[in-house]
C-alpha atoms as a PDB file:
ATOM      1  CA  MET A   1       0.002  -0.003  -0.008  1.00  0.00           C
ATOM      2  CA  ARG A   2       1.222   3.519  -0.795  1.00  0.00           C
ATOM      3  CA  LEU A   3       1.375   6.050   2.011  1.00  0.00           C
ATOM      4  CA  TYR A   4       2.236   9.751   1.742  1.00  0.00           C
ATOM      5  CA  HIS A   5       3.739  12.262   4.173  1.00  0.00           C
ATOM      6  CA  GLY A   6       3.458  16.005   3.446  1.00  0.00           C
ATOM      7  CA  SER A   7       6.434  18.051   4.634  1.00  0.00           C
ATOM      8  CA  ASP A   8       8.995  20.666   3.718  1.00  0.00           C
ATOM      9  CA  LEU A   9      11.785  18.082   4.045  1.00  0.00           C
ATOM     10  CA  VAL A  10      12.873  14.915   2.307  1.00  0.00           C
ATOM     11  CA  ILE A  11      12.283  12.154   4.869  1.00  0.00           C
ATOM     12  CA  ALA A  12      13.924   9.003   3.557  1.00  0.00           C
ATOM     13  CA  ASN A  13      14.332   7.575   7.057  1.00  0.00           C
ATOM     14  CA  PRO A  14      11.312   8.448   9.222  1.00  0.00           C
ATOM     15  CA  ASP A  15      11.878   8.583  12.955  1.00  0.00           C
ATOM     16  CA  LEU A  16       9.931   9.341  16.101  1.00  0.00           C
ATOM     17  CA  ALA A  17      12.260  12.026  17.438  1.00  0.00           C
ATOM     18  CA  HIS A  18      10.784  14.862  15.342  1.00  0.00           C
ATOM     19  CA  SER A  19       7.150  14.359  16.273  1.00  0.00           C
ATOM     20  CA  ARG A  20       5.131  16.830  18.330  1.00  0.00           C
ATOM     21  CA  ASN A  21       3.038  16.098  21.391  1.00  0.00           C
ATOM     22  CA  ASN A  22      -0.752  16.415  21.631  1.00  0.00           C
ATOM     23  CA  LEU A  23      -1.598  15.245  18.128  1.00  0.00           C
ATOM     24  CA  ASP A  24      -4.635  13.137  17.163  1.00  0.00           C
ATOM     25  CA  PHE A  25      -3.016   9.782  17.909  1.00  0.00           C
ATOM     26  CA  GLY A  26      -0.102  10.922  20.056  1.00  0.00           C
ATOM     27  CA  ARG A  27       3.544  11.390  19.282  1.00  0.00           C
ATOM     28  CA  GLY A  28       4.491   9.490  16.135  1.00  0.00           C
ATOM     29  CA  PHE A  29       5.255   9.633  12.433  1.00  0.00           C
ATOM     30  CA  TYR A  30       2.067  10.417  10.472  1.00  0.00           C
ATOM     31  CA  ALA A  31       1.205   9.438   6.910  1.00  0.00           C
ATOM     32  CA  THR A  32      -1.965   9.049   4.849  1.00  0.00           C
ATOM     33  CA  SER A  33      -3.221   6.907   1.997  1.00  0.00           C
ATOM     34  CA  TYR A  34      -4.726  10.034   0.374  1.00  0.00           C
ATOM     35  CA  GLN A  35      -2.141  11.624  -1.923  1.00  0.00           C
ATOM     36  CA  SER A  36      -4.139  14.878  -2.200  1.00  0.00           C
ATOM     37  CA  GLN A  37      -4.323  15.156   1.575  1.00  0.00           C
ATOM     38  CA  ALA A  38      -0.524  14.840   1.855  1.00  0.00           C
ATOM     39  CA  GLU A  39      -0.136  17.479  -0.849  1.00  0.00           C
ATOM     40  CA  ARG A  40      -2.371  19.891   1.134  1.00  0.00           C
ATOM     41  CA  TRP A  41      -0.314  19.172   4.292  1.00  0.00           C
ATOM     42  CA  ALA A  42       2.918  19.835   2.370  1.00  0.00           C
ATOM     43  CA  LEU A  43       1.638  23.161   1.030  1.00  0.00           C
ATOM     44  CA  ARG A  44       0.471  24.177   4.493  1.00  0.00           C
ATOM     45  CA  ARG A  45       3.800  23.186   6.058  1.00  0.00           C
ATOM     46  CA  SER A  46       5.778  25.097   3.431  1.00  0.00           C
ATOM     47  CA  LEU A  47       3.888  28.292   4.296  1.00  0.00           C
ATOM     48  CA  ARG A  48       5.323  28.145   7.837  1.00  0.00           C
ATOM     49  CA  SER A  49       8.900  27.492   6.694  1.00  0.00           C
ATOM     50  CA  THR A  50      11.411  28.501   4.077  1.00  0.00           C
ATOM     51  CA  GLY A  51      11.309  25.071   2.459  1.00  0.00           C
ATOM     52  CA  SER A  52       9.435  23.669  -0.500  1.00  0.00           C
ATOM     53  CA  ALA A  53       6.194  21.719  -0.354  1.00  0.00           C
ATOM     54  CA  LEU A  54       7.310  18.088  -0.535  1.00  0.00           C
ATOM     55  CA  VAL A  55       5.468  14.789  -0.468  1.00  0.00           C
ATOM     56  CA  ASN A  56       7.413  11.733   0.690  1.00  0.00           C
ATOM     57  CA  VAL A  57       6.091   8.474  -0.725  1.00  0.00           C
ATOM     58  CA  TYR A  58       6.403   5.101   1.025  1.00  0.00           C
ATOM     59  CA  ASP A  59       5.414   1.535   0.456  1.00  0.00           C
ATOM     60  CA  PHE A  60       3.732   0.178   3.605  1.00  0.00           C
ATOM     61  CA  ASP A  61       3.861  -3.548   4.228  1.00  0.00           C
ATOM     62  CA  GLU A  62       1.195  -4.266   6.837  1.00  0.00           C
ATOM     63  CA  ASN A  63       3.280  -6.669   8.876  1.00  0.00           C
ATOM     64  CA  PRO A  64       1.057  -9.113  10.823  1.00  0.00           C
ATOM     65  CA  SER A  65       3.313  -8.734  13.860  1.00  0.00           C
ATOM     66  CA  LEU A  66       2.279  -5.066  14.229  1.00  0.00           C
ATOM     67  CA  ASN A  67      -0.046  -4.356  17.132  1.00  0.00           C
ATOM     68  CA  MET A  68      -2.520  -2.036  15.386  1.00  0.00           C
ATOM     69  CA  LEU A  69      -5.395   0.042  16.711  1.00  0.00           C
ATOM     70  CA  HIS A  70      -7.774   0.659  13.805  1.00  0.00           C
ATOM     71  CA  PHE A  71     -10.705   3.069  13.873  1.00  0.00           C
ATOM     72  CA  ASP A  72     -12.922   2.236  10.872  1.00  0.00           C
ATOM     73  CA  GLU A  73     -15.138   5.236  11.526  1.00  0.00           C
ATOM     74  CA  ASN A  74     -15.191   8.450  13.497  1.00  0.00           C
ATOM     75  CA  ASN A  75     -17.235   6.990  16.332  1.00  0.00           C
ATOM     76  CA  ALA A  76     -17.341   7.610  20.091  1.00  0.00           C
ATOM     77  CA  ASP A  77     -14.237   5.480  20.694  1.00  0.00           C
ATOM     78  CA  TRP A  78     -12.325   7.516  18.088  1.00  0.00           C
ATOM     79  CA  VAL A  79     -13.505  10.818  19.592  1.00  0.00           C
ATOM     80  CA  ASP A  80     -12.471   9.745  23.104  1.00  0.00           C
ATOM     81  CA  PHE A  81      -9.090   8.510  21.864  1.00  0.00           C
ATOM     82  CA  VAL A  82      -8.394  11.772  19.992  1.00  0.00           C
ATOM     83  CA  CYS A  83      -9.451  13.804  23.049  1.00  0.00           C
ATOM     84  CA  LYS A  84      -7.114  11.787  25.286  1.00  0.00           C
ATOM     85  CA  CYS A  85      -4.160  12.250  22.928  1.00  0.00           C
ATOM     86  CA  ARG A  86      -4.898  15.934  22.293  1.00  0.00           C
ATOM     87  CA  ARG A  87      -4.889  16.484  26.055  1.00  0.00           C
ATOM     88  CA  GLY A  88      -1.392  14.991  26.274  1.00  0.00           C
ATOM     89  CA  GLY A  89      -2.291  11.374  26.971  1.00  0.00           C
ATOM     90  CA  PHE A  90      -0.395   8.609  25.266  1.00  0.00           C
ATOM     91  CA  PRO A  91      -1.623   5.462  23.542  1.00  0.00           C
ATOM     92  CA  ASP A  92      -0.902   2.126  25.190  1.00  0.00           C
ATOM     93  CA  PRO A  93       2.874   1.566  24.734  1.00  0.00           C
ATOM     94  CA  ALA A  94       2.127  -1.883  23.293  1.00  0.00           C
ATOM     95  CA  ILE A  95       0.446  -0.281  20.260  1.00  0.00           C
ATOM     96  CA  ASP A  96       2.723   0.043  17.220  1.00  0.00           C
ATOM     97  CA  LEU A  97       0.377   1.790  14.809  1.00  0.00           C
ATOM     98  CA  VAL A  98      -2.921   3.683  14.991  1.00  0.00           C
ATOM     99  CA  VAL A  99      -5.095   4.088  11.869  1.00  0.00           C
ATOM    100  CA  GLY A 100      -8.167   6.266  11.700  1.00  0.00           C
ATOM    101  CA  GLY A 101      -9.740   9.553  10.689  1.00  0.00           C
ATOM    102  CA  VAL A 102      -8.055  12.927  10.761  1.00  0.00           C
ATOM    103  CA  ALA A 103      -9.234  15.600  13.196  1.00  0.00           C
ATOM    104  CA  ASP A 104      -8.387  18.434  10.817  1.00  0.00           C
ATOM    105  CA  ASP A 105      -9.463  22.024  11.513  1.00  0.00           C
ATOM    106  CA  LYS A 106     -13.148  21.491  10.694  1.00  0.00           C
ATOM    107  CA  VAL A 107     -13.441  18.137  12.470  1.00  0.00           C
ATOM    108  CA  TYR A 108     -11.463  19.417  15.442  1.00  0.00           C
ATOM    109  CA  ALA A 109     -13.963  22.265  15.896  1.00  0.00           C
ATOM    110  CA  ALA A 110     -16.612  19.648  16.715  1.00  0.00           C
ATOM    111  CA  ILE A 111     -14.255  17.674  18.953  1.00  0.00           C
ATOM    112  CA  ASP A 112     -13.288  20.860  20.771  1.00  0.00           C
ATOM    113  CA  MET A 113     -16.948  21.552  21.543  1.00  0.00           C
ATOM    114  CA  TYR A 114     -17.117  18.091  23.103  1.00  0.00           C
ATOM    115  CA  MET A 115     -13.820  18.485  24.981  1.00  0.00           C
ATOM    116  CA  ARG A 116     -15.042  21.761  26.493  1.00  0.00           C
ATOM    117  CA  GLY A 117     -18.277  20.136  27.629  1.00  0.00           C
ATOM    118  CA  LEU A 118     -20.458  22.236  25.343  1.00  0.00           C
ATOM    119  CA  TRP A 119     -21.700  19.248  23.323  1.00  0.00           C
ATOM    120  CA  ASP A 120     -22.540  15.719  24.346  1.00  0.00           C
ATOM    121  CA  MET A 121     -21.312  12.716  22.375  1.00  0.00           C
ATOM    122  CA  PRO A 122     -24.468  12.274  20.201  1.00  0.00           C
ATOM    123  CA  THR A 123     -24.296  15.964  19.130  1.00  0.00           C
ATOM    124  CA  THR A 124     -20.593  15.603  18.366  1.00  0.00           C
ATOM    125  CA  LEU A 125     -21.086  12.432  16.329  1.00  0.00           C
ATOM    126  CA  GLN A 126     -23.956  14.043  14.414  1.00  0.00           C
ATOM    127  CA  ALA A 127     -21.753  17.053  13.559  1.00  0.00           C
ATOM    128  CA  LEU A 128     -18.979  14.736  12.330  1.00  0.00           C
ATOM    129  CA  THR A 129     -21.303  13.214   9.714  1.00  0.00           C
ATOM    130  CA  PHE A 130     -21.100  16.495   7.734  1.00  0.00           C
ATOM    131  CA  TYR A 131     -17.332  16.272   7.191  1.00  0.00           C
ATOM    132  CA  GLU A 132     -15.426  14.229   4.655  1.00  0.00           C
ATOM    133  CA  ARG A 133     -13.342  11.575   6.364  1.00  0.00           C
ATOM    134  CA  ASN A 134      -9.651  11.341   5.554  1.00  0.00           C
ATOM    135  CA  ASP A 135      -7.263   8.872   7.080  1.00  0.00           C
ATOM    136  CA  GLN A 136      -3.987   8.924   8.945  1.00  0.00           C
ATOM    137  CA  TYR A 137      -1.505   6.281   9.930  1.00  0.00           C
ATOM    138  CA  CYS A 138       0.408   7.086  13.099  1.00  0.00           C
ATOM    139  CA  PHE A 139       3.574   5.018  13.458  1.00  0.00           C
ATOM    140  CA  LEU A 140       4.319   4.920  17.198  1.00  0.00           C
ATOM    141  CA  THR A 141       7.266   2.523  17.392  1.00  0.00           C
ATOM    142  CA  ARG A 142      10.465   1.714  15.555  1.00  0.00           C
ATOM    143  CA  HIS A 143       8.944  -1.706  14.820  1.00  0.00           C
ATOM    144  CA  ALA A 144       6.092   0.047  12.964  1.00  0.00           C
ATOM    145  CA  LEU A 145       8.451   2.370  11.100  1.00  0.00           C
ATOM    146  CA  ASP A 146      10.395  -0.678   9.878  1.00  0.00           C
ATOM    147  CA  SER A 147       7.328  -1.606   7.805  1.00  0.00           C
ATOM    148  CA  LEU A 148       7.763   1.550   5.661  1.00  0.00           C
ATOM    149  CA  ARG A 149      10.012   1.571   2.614  1.00  0.00           C
ATOM    150  CA  TYR A 150      10.915   4.997   1.191  1.00  0.00           C
ATOM    151  CA  LEU A 151      10.195   5.296  -2.532  1.00  0.00           C
ATOM    152  CA  GLU A 152      10.534   8.957  -3.553  1.00  0.00           C
ATOM    153  CA  THR A 153       9.911  12.585  -2.764  1.00  0.00           C
ATOM    154  CA  TYR A 154       8.253  15.044  -5.134  1.00  0.00           C
ATOM    155  CA  GLU A 155       7.539  18.762  -4.954  1.00  0.00           C
ATOM    156  CA  VAL A 156       4.036  20.246  -4.937  1.00  0.00           C
ATOM    157  CA  ARG A 157       3.336  23.648  -6.483  1.00  0.00           C
ATOM    158  CA  PRO A 158       0.406  25.829  -5.333  1.00  0.00           C
END
């Protein structure tokens, strides 16, 4: 399977050291199966840096030995997991890889309403039905990163 990572850098050897805290699925290396989504991320990233908008392309071999947490839909479990991670919580250290929807700016607005106690879960889930679902793969361990094989990097123009 092809996965894409939008950046302003060539990342031939992904690592966990450069990740930020409080992201959707915790601290890890993020990629997506949606090429257009990675291109948007690259363009956005390049606006905050002096670099070019680059998309790194990988082949992902879903190794059966990976301990994966997979959210097939943006349901209550997904919302609670994203809230936990966004508040600084960490996934179970036994999990190698988390796959699920992206809490981008629009989606996060609904999650934020829930996190602040302004919406209950049914209202939050109803709001989420109006947004297109993208995916993200969060590689949390070196074991998970070993299942990625770098293929190429290409530049995106606005």
